[in-house]
Amino acid sequence: MGDATVANATIRPDEAAHFGALAKDWWDPKGSSSMLHRLNPVRLEYIRTAIDRHWPDRADSLKPLAGRAALDVGCGAGLLCEPLARLGADVTGVDAAAENVQAASLHAEGAGLDIRYMAGEIGTLDIGTFDLVTSMEVIEHVADNQLFLSQLADRLAPGGLMILSTPNRTVRSRLLLTGAAEALGAIPRGTHEWNDFVTPEELAAMLTDLGLEASEPTGMTFSPMKGLHLSGDLTLNYILTARRA
């Protein structure tokens, strides 16, 4: 492995292996990724609102991303890439695990969607820049947060929009996301390491260092009455946008 590859490394091989092993069940709403299937509509609600605010001229369109390129990093088997394609985007999905990319490609083909999928380090792929860059529940799994964010920023076209989500490092997230959720089988064991969670303040500071301006975060939380939903409660997961300052 050459020095350039090492310098650009954000992938943790053990993390890639963990999620790659789940590839065959990724699209099963009752399988190992069931929590992502429940979280995805919540993320999409936020993403659609963020897109409409950033590009208000198409807020009434069924395809507000028509003519625009979107990149989803840590795409898994394409749970977000496919809705982005249906919103009109020319979509590229990148993942650390080749198994996920294969599963994503097969599912997109079956759905009649033209999505480009690639496996590897985002910093070493020659893929150009994108109007929309997303990375959902990924930064807590990478080897170097600041480097990872800088590589995402390098892919953001002028006037573009970045959307990130991640678990918060709180007492509640430790109890529920790395404790109860794994113990009850809601997510596979070993999915999360609580010490790797990133607080909103830490994420905003890293984005500022890269010349990006972060929005106020929105929580993604759970209640027995509403299930998973957007909220002002940031103690579990949160989502935010960033753009060049």
Foldseek 3Di string as FASTA:
>chain_A
DDPVCVVLAWADVVLLVVLLVCQVCCPPCPDQPVVVVVCVVQVVVVVLVVLCVLVVVCNVPQQSQAPWAEEEEQCFLNSPVVVNVSSHHAYEYEHQHPSRQVNNVVVCVVVVGDYHYYYDRLQPDPDAAGQEYEYEAPLLRIDDNLSNVLSSVRRHDASHKYKYKHWALDPVQCCPVQNVCCVVSVHPHPNGDSVSTHHPVRVQVSCVVNQKHKDPKWAFDADPVPGTHTHNDRNTMIMIMIHHD
